[in-house]
């Protein structure tokens, strides 16, 4: 039986729901590492959110798929506490499962994922105006 960090027993990990998007956008824009927080428009750096961590029904982090400057697929996280490695690892593990079940053939062609990211960001920017 795997032991889990006791402070993480009450944290729920699951796929992202549409109703989570406002909280994810707020978390993304409030990240200190995000230098575009003053900009109201999201970019492809927001990625495609795939998994979320909740503590007492409050979003405390999410994992997302995006592409770096070298056009390599990356799974990254945004969390309230950047010091919690367990939450980051668990979010990325959940995101990887969702990513590969949603986008079959991803190793051969990244195009469907890139289109999904572009469409999500465009839709979110349109809805927020």
N, C-alpha and C. Protein backbone atom coordinates (compact mmCIF):
# COMPACT_ATOMS: atom_id res chain seq x y z
N UNK A 1 0.84 -1.18 0.00
CA UNK A 1 0.00 0.00 0.00
C UNK A 1 0.88 1.25 0.00
N UNK A 2 0.57 2.19 -0.88
CA UNK A 2 1.36 3.42 -0.96
C UNK A 2 0.97 4.35 0.17
N UNK A 3 2.01 4.98 0.73
CA UNK A 3 1.75 5.99 1.74
C UNK A 3 1.62 7.34 1.06
N UNK A 4 0.72 8.13 1.55
CA UNK A 4 0.47 9.45 1.01
C UNK A 4 0.77 10.48 2.08
N UNK A 5 1.23 11.61 1.66
CA UNK A 5 1.50 12.72 2.56
C UNK A 5 0.20 13.04 3.30
N UNK A 6 0.22 13.03 4.65
CA UNK A 6 -1.02 13.25 5.41
C UNK A 6 -1.72 14.58 5.10
N UNK A 7 -0.95 15.63 4.80
CA UNK A 7 -1.59 16.91 4.52
C UNK A 7 -2.31 16.91 3.18
N UNK A 8 -2.10 15.87 2.36
CA UNK A 8 -2.73 15.79 1.04
C UNK A 8 -3.91 14.83 1.01
N UNK A 9 -4.29 14.27 2.15
CA UNK A 9 -5.40 13.31 2.20
C UNK A 9 -6.72 13.93 1.77
N UNK A 10 -6.90 15.20 1.97
CA UNK A 10 -8.17 15.86 1.66
C UNK A 10 -8.16 16.53 0.30
N UNK A 11 -7.10 16.34 -0.48
CA UNK A 11 -7.01 16.94 -1.80
C UNK A 11 -7.57 15.97 -2.84
N UNK A 12 -8.44 16.49 -3.69
CA UNK A 12 -9.06 15.71 -4.75
C UNK A 12 -8.41 16.07 -6.08
N UNK A 13 -8.10 15.03 -6.87
CA UNK A 13 -7.55 15.22 -8.21
C UNK A 13 -8.53 14.64 -9.21
N UNK A 14 -8.80 15.42 -10.27
CA UNK A 14 -9.74 14.96 -11.29
C UNK A 14 -9.50 15.71 -12.59
N UNK A 15 -10.26 15.30 -13.62
CA UNK A 15 -10.22 16.01 -14.90
C UNK A 15 -10.82 17.39 -14.73
N UNK A 16 -10.50 18.27 -15.65
CA UNK A 16 -11.01 19.64 -15.62
C UNK A 16 -12.45 19.65 -16.16
N UNK A 17 -13.31 20.37 -15.46
CA UNK A 17 -14.68 20.59 -15.91
C UNK A 17 -14.79 22.02 -16.46
N UNK A 18 -15.76 22.23 -17.30
CA UNK A 18 -16.02 23.56 -17.85
C UNK A 18 -16.21 24.58 -16.72
N UNK A 19 -16.87 24.18 -15.67
CA UNK A 19 -17.13 25.09 -14.55
C UNK A 19 -15.86 25.48 -13.80
N UNK A 20 -14.74 24.80 -14.04
CA UNK A 20 -13.47 25.13 -13.39
C UNK A 20 -12.72 26.26 -14.09
N UNK A 21 -13.08 26.58 -15.32
CA UNK A 21 -12.26 27.46 -16.15
C UNK A 21 -12.03 28.85 -15.55
N UNK A 22 -13.03 29.46 -14.94
CA UNK A 22 -12.81 30.79 -14.33
C UNK A 22 -11.74 30.73 -13.25
N UNK A 23 -11.80 29.72 -12.41
CA UNK A 23 -10.79 29.57 -11.35
C UNK A 23 -9.41 29.30 -11.93
N UNK A 24 -9.34 28.53 -12.99
CA UNK A 24 -8.05 28.23 -13.63
C UNK A 24 -7.45 29.48 -14.25
N UNK A 25 -8.27 30.29 -14.87
CA UNK A 25 -7.80 31.54 -15.48
C UNK A 25 -7.27 32.48 -14.39
N UNK A 26 -8.00 32.60 -13.29
CA UNK A 26 -7.54 33.44 -12.18
C UNK A 26 -6.21 32.95 -11.63
N UNK A 27 -6.09 31.66 -11.44
CA UNK A 27 -4.85 31.08 -10.93
C UNK A 27 -3.70 31.33 -11.89
N UNK A 28 -3.96 31.14 -13.17
CA UNK A 28 -2.95 31.38 -14.20
C UNK A 28 -2.48 32.84 -14.21
N UNK A 29 -3.42 33.74 -14.16
CA UNK A 29 -3.07 35.17 -14.21
C UNK A 29 -2.40 35.66 -12.94
N UNK A 30 -2.65 34.98 -11.82
CA UNK A 30 -2.06 35.40 -10.55
C UNK A 30 -0.69 34.79 -10.29
N UNK A 31 -0.22 33.92 -11.15
CA UNK A 31 1.08 33.32 -10.95
C UNK A 31 2.17 34.37 -11.07
N UNK A 32 3.07 34.39 -10.13
CA UNK A 32 4.17 35.35 -10.16
C UNK A 32 5.07 35.16 -11.36
N UNK A 33 5.20 33.93 -11.84
CA UNK A 33 6.07 33.67 -12.99
C UNK A 33 5.42 34.10 -14.29
N UNK A 34 4.14 34.38 -14.27
CA UNK A 34 3.45 34.79 -15.49
C UNK A 34 3.58 36.30 -15.65
N UNK A 35 4.48 36.72 -16.50
CA UNK A 35 4.74 38.14 -16.70
C UNK A 35 3.62 38.83 -17.48
N UNK A 36 2.67 38.07 -18.02
CA UNK A 36 1.59 38.65 -18.80
C UNK A 36 0.34 38.88 -17.96
N UNK A 37 0.49 38.86 -16.64
CA UNK A 37 -0.70 38.97 -15.80
C UNK A 37 -1.45 40.29 -15.99
N UNK A 38 -0.74 41.33 -16.44
CA UNK A 38 -1.42 42.60 -16.68
C UNK A 38 -2.22 42.56 -17.98
N UNK A 39 -1.90 41.62 -18.85
CA UNK A 39 -2.60 41.48 -20.12
C UNK A 39 -3.87 40.68 -19.87
N UNK A 40 -4.96 41.14 -20.44
CA UNK A 40 -6.24 40.47 -20.21
C UNK A 40 -6.46 39.30 -21.16
N UNK A 41 -5.72 39.25 -22.25
CA UNK A 41 -5.89 38.19 -23.24
C UNK A 41 -5.01 36.99 -22.87
N UNK A 42 -5.57 35.80 -22.95
CA UNK A 42 -4.79 34.58 -22.77
C UNK A 42 -4.03 34.30 -24.07
N UNK A 43 -2.94 33.57 -23.94
CA UNK A 43 -2.17 33.14 -25.10
C UNK A 43 -2.07 31.62 -25.09
N UNK A 44 -1.40 31.07 -26.08
CA UNK A 44 -1.22 29.62 -26.15
C UNK A 44 -0.44 29.09 -24.94
N UNK A 45 0.25 29.97 -24.21
CA UNK A 45 0.95 29.55 -23.00
C UNK A 45 0.00 29.04 -21.92
N UNK A 46 -1.26 29.45 -22.00
CA UNK A 46 -2.28 28.94 -21.07
C UNK A 46 -2.44 27.43 -21.26
N UNK A 47 -2.25 26.98 -22.50
CA UNK A 47 -2.32 25.55 -22.80
C UNK A 47 -3.72 24.98 -22.74
N UNK A 48 -3.77 23.67 -22.66
CA UNK A 48 -5.03 22.95 -22.54
C UNK A 48 -5.08 22.32 -21.15
N UNK A 49 -5.87 22.88 -20.23
CA UNK A 49 -5.98 22.31 -18.88
C UNK A 49 -6.54 20.89 -18.94
N UNK A 50 -5.90 19.98 -18.21
CA UNK A 50 -6.28 18.57 -18.27
C UNK A 50 -6.65 17.98 -16.91
N UNK A 51 -6.01 18.45 -15.84
CA UNK A 51 -6.33 17.93 -14.51
C UNK A 51 -6.32 19.08 -13.51
N UNK A 52 -7.07 18.89 -12.44
CA UNK A 52 -7.22 19.93 -11.43
C UNK A 52 -7.08 19.32 -10.04
N UNK A 53 -6.53 20.11 -9.12
CA UNK A 53 -6.44 19.71 -7.71
C UNK A 53 -7.35 20.63 -6.91
N UNK A 54 -8.16 20.02 -6.04
CA UNK A 54 -9.10 20.78 -5.23
C UNK A 54 -8.86 20.48 -3.75
N UNK A 55 -8.96 21.52 -2.95
CA UNK A 55 -8.89 21.37 -1.51
C UNK A 55 -10.17 21.98 -0.96
N UNK A 56 -11.05 21.15 -0.41
CA UNK A 56 -12.36 21.61 0.06
C UNK A 56 -13.11 22.35 -1.04
N UNK A 57 -13.11 21.77 -2.22
CA UNK A 57 -13.82 22.28 -3.41
C UNK A 57 -13.23 23.58 -3.96
N UNK A 58 -12.08 24.01 -3.46
CA UNK A 58 -11.40 25.20 -3.99
C UNK A 58 -10.23 24.74 -4.86
N UNK A 59 -10.12 25.30 -6.05
CA UNK A 59 -9.04 24.94 -6.97
C UNK A 59 -7.72 25.45 -6.41
N UNK A 60 -6.78 24.53 -6.22
CA UNK A 60 -5.46 24.92 -5.71
C UNK A 60 -4.36 24.68 -6.75
N UNK A 61 -4.73 24.10 -7.88
CA UNK A 61 -3.75 23.90 -8.93
C UNK A 61 -4.34 23.17 -10.12
N UNK A 62 -3.62 23.26 -11.24
CA UNK A 62 -4.02 22.51 -12.42
C UNK A 62 -2.82 22.20 -13.27
N UNK A 63 -2.95 21.15 -14.06
CA UNK A 63 -1.91 20.76 -15.02
C UNK A 63 -2.45 20.98 -16.41
N UNK A 64 -1.55 21.34 -17.32
CA UNK A 64 -1.97 21.65 -18.67
C UNK A 64 -0.91 21.21 -19.67
N UNK A 65 -1.35 20.99 -20.89
CA UNK A 65 -0.45 20.65 -22.00
C UNK A 65 -0.21 21.90 -22.81
N UNK A 66 1.04 22.10 -23.20
CA UNK A 66 1.39 23.23 -24.06
C UNK A 66 2.65 22.85 -24.84
N UNK A 67 3.11 23.79 -25.65
CA UNK A 67 4.30 23.56 -26.46
C UNK A 67 5.33 24.63 -26.14
N UNK A 68 6.60 24.22 -26.07
CA UNK A 68 7.67 25.19 -25.80
C UNK A 68 8.17 25.80 -27.11
N UNK A 69 9.22 26.60 -27.02
CA UNK A 69 9.76 27.29 -28.19
C UNK A 69 10.29 26.32 -29.25
N UNK A 70 10.69 25.12 -28.83
CA UNK A 70 11.20 24.11 -29.75
C UNK A 70 10.09 23.21 -30.30
N UNK A 71 8.84 23.60 -30.04
CA UNK A 71 7.67 22.85 -30.49
C UNK A 71 7.58 21.47 -29.85
N UNK A 72 8.08 21.36 -28.62
CA UNK A 72 8.01 20.11 -27.87
C UNK A 72 6.82 20.17 -26.91
N UNK A 73 6.12 19.05 -26.82
CA UNK A 73 4.98 18.95 -25.92
C UNK A 73 5.47 18.96 -24.47
N UNK A 74 4.80 19.76 -23.65
CA UNK A 74 5.15 19.86 -22.24
C UNK A 74 3.89 19.73 -21.39
N UNK A 75 4.04 19.05 -20.25
CA UNK A 75 3.00 19.06 -19.23
C UNK A 75 3.53 19.90 -18.08
N UNK A 76 2.80 20.94 -17.72
CA UNK A 76 3.22 21.86 -16.68
C UNK A 76 2.08 22.06 -15.70
N UNK A 77 2.39 22.72 -14.59
CA UNK A 77 1.37 22.98 -13.57
C UNK A 77 1.40 24.43 -13.14
N UNK A 78 0.27 24.88 -12.65
CA UNK A 78 0.14 26.14 -11.93
C UNK A 78 -0.52 25.76 -10.62
N UNK A 79 0.11 26.10 -9.51
CA UNK A 79 -0.45 25.78 -8.20
C UNK A 79 -0.35 27.00 -7.29
N UNK A 80 -1.17 27.00 -6.26
CA UNK A 80 -1.11 28.08 -5.28
C UNK A 80 0.22 28.04 -4.52
N UNK A 81 0.69 26.83 -4.22
CA UNK A 81 1.95 26.65 -3.50
C UNK A 81 2.94 25.95 -4.41
N UNK A 82 3.96 26.66 -4.82
CA UNK A 82 4.95 26.07 -5.73
C UNK A 82 5.90 25.11 -5.02
N UNK A 83 5.75 24.97 -3.72
CA UNK A 83 6.67 24.11 -2.96
C UNK A 83 6.15 22.68 -2.79
N UNK A 84 4.99 22.36 -3.26
CA UNK A 84 4.42 21.04 -3.00
C UNK A 84 4.64 20.11 -4.19
N UNK A 85 5.71 19.32 -4.11
CA UNK A 85 6.08 18.42 -5.21
C UNK A 85 5.04 17.32 -5.40
N UNK A 86 4.40 16.85 -4.32
CA UNK A 86 3.40 15.79 -4.44
C UNK A 86 2.24 16.23 -5.33
N UNK A 87 1.75 17.44 -5.11
CA UNK A 87 0.62 17.94 -5.90
C UNK A 87 1.03 18.08 -7.36
N UNK A 88 2.21 18.63 -7.63
CA UNK A 88 2.70 18.77 -9.00
C UNK A 88 2.78 17.41 -9.70
N UNK A 89 3.37 16.43 -9.03
CA UNK A 89 3.53 15.10 -9.62
C UNK A 89 2.17 14.45 -9.90
N UNK A 90 1.28 14.55 -8.95
CA UNK A 90 -0.04 13.93 -9.10
C UNK A 90 -0.84 14.62 -10.21
N UNK A 91 -0.78 15.95 -10.28
CA UNK A 91 -1.46 16.68 -11.35
C UNK A 91 -0.93 16.26 -12.72
N UNK A 92 0.39 16.17 -12.85
CA UNK A 92 0.99 15.78 -14.13
C UNK A 92 0.64 14.35 -14.50
N UNK A 93 0.61 13.44 -13.53
CA UNK A 93 0.25 12.04 -13.80
C UNK A 93 -1.19 11.95 -14.29
N UNK A 94 -2.10 12.66 -13.63
CA UNK A 94 -3.50 12.67 -14.05
C UNK A 94 -3.64 13.30 -15.44
N UNK A 95 -2.91 14.39 -15.68
CA UNK A 95 -2.97 15.07 -16.97
C UNK A 95 -2.46 14.18 -18.10
N UNK A 96 -1.41 13.44 -17.83
CA UNK A 96 -0.86 12.57 -18.87
C UNK A 96 -1.85 11.49 -19.28
N UNK A 97 -2.54 10.93 -18.32
CA UNK A 97 -3.56 9.92 -18.62
C UNK A 97 -4.66 10.54 -19.49
N UNK A 98 -5.16 11.69 -19.09
CA UNK A 98 -6.21 12.36 -19.85
C UNK A 98 -5.73 12.73 -21.25
N UNK A 99 -4.52 13.24 -21.34
CA UNK A 99 -3.95 13.65 -22.63
C UNK A 99 -3.91 12.49 -23.61
N UNK A 100 -3.39 11.36 -23.17
CA UNK A 100 -3.22 10.24 -24.09
C UNK A 100 -4.51 9.47 -24.38
N UNK A 101 -5.50 9.59 -23.52
CA UNK A 101 -6.79 8.97 -23.84
C UNK A 101 -7.62 9.88 -24.74
N UNK A 102 -7.40 11.18 -24.65
CA UNK A 102 -8.16 12.14 -25.46
C UNK A 102 -7.55 12.30 -26.85
N UNK A 103 -6.24 12.34 -26.92
CA UNK A 103 -5.54 12.57 -28.19
C UNK A 103 -4.72 11.34 -28.54
N UNK A 104 -5.36 10.36 -29.17
CA UNK A 104 -4.63 9.17 -29.61
C UNK A 104 -3.77 9.55 -30.81
N UNK A 105 -2.62 8.93 -30.91
CA UNK A 105 -1.71 9.23 -32.02
C UNK A 105 -0.94 10.52 -31.83
N UNK A 106 -0.85 10.98 -30.61
CA UNK A 106 -0.20 12.25 -30.31
C UNK A 106 1.30 12.20 -30.60
N UNK A 107 1.91 11.04 -30.49
CA UNK A 107 3.35 10.93 -30.75
C UNK A 107 3.68 11.17 -32.22
N UNK A 108 2.75 10.88 -33.10
CA UNK A 108 2.98 11.07 -34.53
C UNK A 108 2.58 12.47 -35.00
N UNK A 109 1.54 13.04 -34.40
CA UNK A 109 1.01 14.31 -34.90
C UNK A 109 0.47 15.16 -33.75
N UNK A 110 1.06 16.32 -33.56
CA UNK A 110 0.63 17.24 -32.50
C UNK A 110 -0.48 18.18 -32.95
N UNK A 111 -0.83 18.13 -34.23
CA UNK A 111 -1.77 19.10 -34.79
C UNK A 111 -3.11 19.14 -34.04
N UNK A 112 -3.75 18.01 -33.73
CA UNK A 112 -5.05 18.10 -33.03
C UNK A 112 -4.94 18.82 -31.68
N UNK A 113 -3.87 18.58 -30.95
CA UNK A 113 -3.69 19.24 -29.66
C UNK A 113 -3.43 20.73 -29.85
N UNK A 114 -2.63 21.10 -30.82
CA UNK A 114 -2.36 22.51 -31.09
C UNK A 114 -3.66 23.24 -31.45
N UNK A 115 -4.48 22.61 -32.28
CA UNK A 115 -5.76 23.20 -32.66
C UNK A 115 -6.67 23.35 -31.45
N UNK A 116 -6.70 22.34 -30.58
CA UNK A 116 -7.53 22.40 -29.38
C UNK A 116 -7.10 23.56 -28.48
N UNK A 117 -5.79 23.75 -28.32
CA UNK A 117 -5.28 24.85 -27.49
C UNK A 117 -5.68 26.19 -28.11
N UNK A 118 -5.47 26.34 -29.41
CA UNK A 118 -5.81 27.60 -30.10
C UNK A 118 -7.29 27.91 -29.97
N UNK A 119 -8.14 26.90 -30.17
CA UNK A 119 -9.58 27.12 -30.10
C UNK A 119 -10.04 27.45 -28.68
N UNK A 120 -9.48 26.77 -27.68
CA UNK A 120 -9.85 27.06 -26.30
C UNK A 120 -9.46 28.48 -25.92
N UNK A 121 -8.24 28.86 -26.23
CA UNK A 121 -7.76 30.21 -25.88
C UNK A 121 -8.60 31.26 -26.61
N UNK A 122 -8.88 31.03 -27.86
CA UNK A 122 -9.70 31.98 -28.63
C UNK A 122 -11.10 32.10 -28.02
N UNK A 123 -11.69 30.97 -27.69
CA UNK A 123 -13.03 30.97 -27.10
C UNK A 123 -13.05 31.69 -25.76
N UNK A 124 -12.05 31.40 -24.91
CA UNK A 124 -11.98 32.05 -23.60
C UNK A 124 -11.78 33.56 -23.73
N UNK A 125 -10.93 33.96 -24.67
CA UNK A 125 -10.72 35.40 -24.88
C UNK A 125 -11.98 36.07 -25.41
N UNK A 126 -12.72 35.39 -26.28
CA UNK A 126 -13.97 35.94 -26.81
C UNK A 126 -15.03 36.05 -25.71
N UNK A 127 -15.10 35.05 -24.86
CA UNK A 127 -16.12 35.05 -23.79
C UNK A 127 -15.83 36.08 -22.72
N UNK A 128 -14.57 36.41 -22.53
CA UNK A 128 -14.23 37.35 -21.46
C UNK A 128 -14.36 38.80 -21.89
N UNK A 129 -14.58 39.04 -23.16
CA UNK A 129 -14.74 40.42 -23.64
C UNK A 129 -16.18 40.86 -23.61
